[in-house]
């Protein structure tokens, strides 16, 4: 497994250590996925280490959420460079190098169905990658490669509460059928299923893992 986390290498190292402790093999690499040459170099190093590529999880993203009138052009460009262009690079490189019968999973967001104020640009980027998923499933299908999206609901990560009021967080919890935030392991379990042999007949889907939020 290759872990790409260019801005927090200590987190990438921890993930690698956890994988190795459970008996797996992992490699931490740093790349700006919005730059094709860096992404290409990461893929080539991964192939040199492991010899094949079976699963791509498009997870890297920036989430700039603020009133639409306050979004700067630089913030708009950054959002699309990482969230859309980065996925575009990954998908094209997967077409070149991913093994037949492989798996592609792109992380979107359940906010695309919620019309939350402040999420216009972020949700525009996620809507774009949902369309990549829907359409490219046909193109990759000839190689038995599944292409799916996972759209988490509000999830209790280390940084999720940063910049959000308790009132806003409470409103998100109330949207769930279980009146709580999701846990990272609950999202990971669905991603793991889609990456497994058991999901060979699942493609072109956007699975909303959100506790019934939307």
Protein backbone atom coordinates (compact mmCIF):
# COMPACT_ATOMS: atom_id res chain seq x y z
CA UNK A 1 0.00 0.00 0.00
CA UNK A 2 1.14 3.56 -0.77
CA UNK A 3 0.14 6.33 1.64
CA UNK A 4 0.25 9.87 0.24
CA UNK A 5 -0.04 12.60 2.86
CA UNK A 6 2.37 15.36 1.77
CA UNK A 7 1.49 17.99 4.38
CA UNK A 8 1.61 15.79 7.48
CA UNK A 9 4.37 13.21 6.99
CA UNK A 10 4.14 12.18 10.65
CA UNK A 11 0.56 11.00 10.04
CA UNK A 12 1.62 9.07 6.94
CA UNK A 13 4.40 7.41 8.93
CA UNK A 14 1.89 6.43 11.62
CA UNK A 15 -0.42 4.87 9.05
CA UNK A 16 2.50 2.94 7.57
CA UNK A 17 3.53 1.74 11.04
CA UNK A 18 -0.02 0.58 11.79
CA UNK A 19 -0.22 -1.33 8.49
CA UNK A 20 3.14 -3.00 9.05
CA UNK A 21 2.20 -3.88 12.64
CA UNK A 22 -0.83 -5.76 11.30
CA UNK A 23 1.33 -7.73 8.90
CA UNK A 24 0.95 -5.61 5.77
CA UNK A 25 3.42 -3.65 3.69
CA UNK A 26 3.22 0.09 3.10
CA UNK A 27 5.24 2.94 1.64
CA UNK A 28 4.85 6.63 2.54
CA UNK A 29 5.31 8.96 -0.44
CA UNK A 30 4.70 12.70 -0.78
CA UNK A 31 3.15 14.17 -3.91
CA UNK A 32 0.99 17.13 -4.85
CA UNK A 33 -1.69 15.29 -6.81
CA UNK A 34 -2.70 18.48 -8.64
CA UNK A 35 0.67 18.36 -10.43
CA UNK A 36 0.75 15.56 -12.99
CA UNK A 37 4.53 15.06 -12.87
CA UNK A 38 4.47 14.54 -9.08
CA UNK A 39 1.56 12.12 -9.28
CA UNK A 40 3.24 10.24 -12.12
CA UNK A 41 6.49 9.97 -10.15
CA UNK A 42 4.59 8.58 -7.15
CA UNK A 43 2.90 5.95 -9.30
CA UNK A 44 6.19 4.95 -10.90
CA UNK A 45 7.88 4.58 -7.51
CA UNK A 46 4.96 2.51 -6.25
CA UNK A 47 5.13 0.23 -9.31
CA UNK A 48 8.87 -0.12 -8.85
CA UNK A 49 8.32 -1.22 -5.25
CA UNK A 50 5.31 -3.52 -5.67
CA UNK A 51 5.19 -4.37 -9.37
CA UNK A 52 1.43 -3.81 -9.81
CA UNK A 53 -1.39 -1.46 -8.85
CA UNK A 54 -4.78 -2.91 -7.89
CA UNK A 55 -6.73 -0.25 -5.99
CA UNK A 56 -6.95 3.55 -6.28
CA UNK A 57 -8.69 5.52 -3.53
CA UNK A 58 -9.10 9.19 -4.47
CA UNK A 59 -9.25 10.71 -1.00
CA UNK A 60 -7.14 13.90 -1.02
CA UNK A 61 -9.23 17.07 -0.91
CA UNK A 62 -9.45 20.59 0.43
CA UNK A 63 -12.69 21.78 2.03
CA UNK A 64 -13.04 25.54 1.85
CA UNK A 65 -16.49 26.34 3.20
CA UNK A 66 -17.53 29.98 3.52
CA UNK A 67 -20.21 32.28 2.12
CA UNK A 68 -20.05 32.22 -1.67
CA UNK A 69 -19.44 35.96 -1.99
CA UNK A 70 -16.34 35.62 0.20
CA UNK A 71 -14.67 32.85 -1.82
CA UNK A 72 -11.56 34.21 -3.49
CA UNK A 73 -10.42 33.24 -6.96
CA UNK A 74 -7.35 31.62 -5.42
CA UNK A 75 -9.56 29.50 -3.12
CA UNK A 76 -11.76 28.51 -6.06
CA UNK A 77 -8.72 27.51 -8.11
CA UNK A 78 -7.19 25.53 -5.24
CA UNK A 79 -10.44 23.65 -4.67
CA UNK A 80 -10.67 22.52 -8.28
CA UNK A 81 -6.94 21.87 -8.64
CA UNK A 82 -6.92 19.39 -5.76
CA UNK A 83 -10.46 18.02 -5.65
CA UNK A 84 -11.09 17.67 -9.39
CA UNK A 85 -7.80 17.94 -11.27
CA UNK A 86 -6.09 15.65 -8.77
CA UNK A 87 -8.77 13.01 -9.29
CA UNK A 88 -8.52 13.51 -13.07
CA UNK A 89 -4.77 12.79 -12.91
CA UNK A 90 -5.34 9.71 -10.77
CA UNK A 91 -8.00 8.33 -13.10
CA UNK A 92 -5.90 8.83 -16.22
CA UNK A 93 -2.86 7.25 -14.56
CA UNK A 94 -5.09 4.38 -13.43
CA UNK A 95 -6.17 3.87 -17.03
CA UNK A 96 -2.51 3.49 -17.96
CA UNK A 97 -1.28 1.44 -15.02
CA UNK A 98 -4.08 -0.09 -12.90
CA UNK A 99 -4.33 -3.86 -13.20
CA UNK A 100 -7.32 -5.34 -15.00
CA UNK A 101 -9.97 -6.29 -12.46
CA UNK A 102 -8.86 -3.45 -10.19
CA UNK A 103 -10.88 -1.08 -8.05
CA UNK A 104 -11.32 2.72 -8.12
CA UNK A 105 -13.03 4.45 -5.19
CA UNK A 106 -13.45 8.21 -5.04
CA UNK A 107 -14.46 9.98 -1.84
CA UNK A 108 -17.24 12.49 -2.44
CA UNK A 109 -19.53 13.99 0.22
CA UNK A 110 -23.13 13.70 1.32
CA UNK A 111 -23.23 17.50 1.42
CA UNK A 112 -23.87 17.45 -2.35
CA UNK A 113 -27.50 16.61 -1.50
CA UNK A 114 -27.96 18.98 1.45
CA UNK A 115 -27.73 22.53 -0.02
CA UNK A 116 -25.78 23.78 3.00
CA UNK A 117 -24.89 27.49 2.88
CA UNK A 118 -21.14 27.95 2.41
CA UNK A 119 -20.62 24.65 0.58
CA UNK A 120 -21.21 25.83 -3.01
CA UNK A 121 -17.65 25.55 -4.32
CA UNK A 122 -16.77 22.45 -2.30
CA UNK A 123 -19.91 20.65 -3.47
CA UNK A 124 -19.28 21.76 -7.06
CA UNK A 125 -15.96 19.89 -6.94
CA UNK A 126 -17.56 16.83 -5.41
CA UNK A 127 -20.35 16.88 -7.97
CA UNK A 128 -17.70 16.80 -10.68
CA UNK A 129 -16.02 13.67 -9.31
CA UNK A 130 -19.39 11.98 -8.88
CA UNK A 131 -19.89 12.44 -12.63
CA UNK A 132 -16.42 11.03 -13.30
CA UNK A 133 -17.54 7.98 -11.34
CA UNK A 134 -20.86 7.57 -13.10
CA UNK A 135 -19.51 7.91 -16.63
CA UNK A 136 -16.08 6.32 -16.36
CA UNK A 137 -17.52 3.12 -14.92
CA UNK A 138 -18.55 2.31 -18.50
CA UNK A 139 -15.10 3.06 -19.91
CA UNK A 140 -13.22 1.08 -17.26
CA UNK A 141 -15.77 -1.73 -17.37
CA UNK A 142 -14.19 -3.29 -20.42
CA UNK A 143 -11.21 -4.08 -18.17
CA UNK A 144 -13.36 -5.37 -15.28
CA UNK A 145 -12.33 -2.36 -13.19
CA UNK A 146 -15.09 -1.10 -10.89
CA UNK A 147 -15.51 2.63 -10.37
CA UNK A 148 -17.51 3.83 -7.36
CA UNK A 149 -17.87 6.81 -5.06
CA UNK A 150 -18.38 6.91 -1.31
CA UNK A 151 -20.12 9.97 0.11
CA UNK A 152 -19.64 10.18 3.87
CA UNK A 153 -21.90 12.17 6.10
CA UNK A 154 -20.55 14.30 8.95
CA UNK A 155 -17.73 12.22 10.41
CA UNK A 156 -15.87 12.63 13.71
CA UNK A 157 -12.28 13.05 12.51
CA UNK A 158 -9.44 14.76 14.38
CA UNK A 159 -10.01 18.05 12.57
CA UNK A 160 -13.74 17.93 11.80
CA UNK A 161 -14.80 20.23 14.63
CA UNK A 162 -12.24 22.91 13.71
CA UNK A 163 -13.95 26.16 12.75
CA UNK A 164 -17.48 24.85 13.33
CA UNK A 165 -19.82 26.09 16.04
CA UNK A 166 -21.40 23.66 18.48
CA UNK A 167 -24.78 24.77 17.15
CA UNK A 168 -23.81 23.83 13.59
CA UNK A 169 -22.38 20.49 14.70
CA UNK A 170 -25.54 19.75 16.67
CA UNK A 171 -27.61 20.46 13.56
CA UNK A 172 -25.54 17.93 11.59
CA UNK A 173 -25.98 15.31 14.29
CA UNK A 174 -29.72 15.92 14.27
CA UNK A 175 -29.86 15.18 10.51
CA UNK A 176 -28.73 11.60 11.10
CA UNK A 177 -31.25 8.88 11.88
CA UNK A 178 -28.96 7.99 14.80
CA UNK A 179 -28.52 11.60 16.03
CA UNK A 180 -24.72 11.39 16.00
CA UNK A 181 -21.68 11.93 13.83
CA UNK A 182 -20.23 9.02 11.91
CA UNK A 183 -16.94 7.36 12.86
CA UNK A 184 -13.97 6.99 10.47
CA UNK A 185 -14.05 3.19 10.82
CA UNK A 186 -17.64 3.16 9.53
CA UNK A 187 -16.56 4.92 6.33
CA UNK A 188 -13.44 2.78 5.99
CA UNK A 189 -15.50 -0.41 6.19
CA UNK A 190 -17.47 0.55 3.09
CA UNK A 191 -14.32 1.55 1.21
CA UNK A 192 -12.76 -1.80 2.16
CA UNK A 193 -15.82 -3.64 0.85
CA UNK A 194 -15.68 -1.81 -2.49
CA UNK A 195 -11.97 -2.65 -2.76
CA UNK A 196 -12.63 -6.35 -2.15
CA UNK A 197 -13.43 -9.24 -4.48
CA UNK A 198 -16.95 -9.28 -3.03
CA UNK A 199 -17.74 -5.98 -4.78
CA UNK A 200 -17.00 -7.17 -8.30
CA UNK A 201 -20.62 -6.58 -9.41
CA UNK A 202 -20.85 -3.09 -7.88
CA UNK A 203 -19.87 -0.19 -10.16
CA UNK A 204 -21.04 3.31 -11.15
CA UNK A 205 -22.51 3.76 -7.66
CA UNK A 206 -22.37 6.64 -5.21
CA UNK A 207 -22.84 5.09 -1.79
CA UNK A 208 -23.95 7.59 0.84
CA UNK A 209 -22.50 6.42 4.15
CA UNK A 210 -24.21 8.98 6.32
CA UNK A 211 -26.53 7.40 8.86
CA UNK A 212 -29.60 8.38 6.87
CA UNK A 213 -28.70 12.07 6.62
CA UNK A 214 -29.77 12.47 3.00
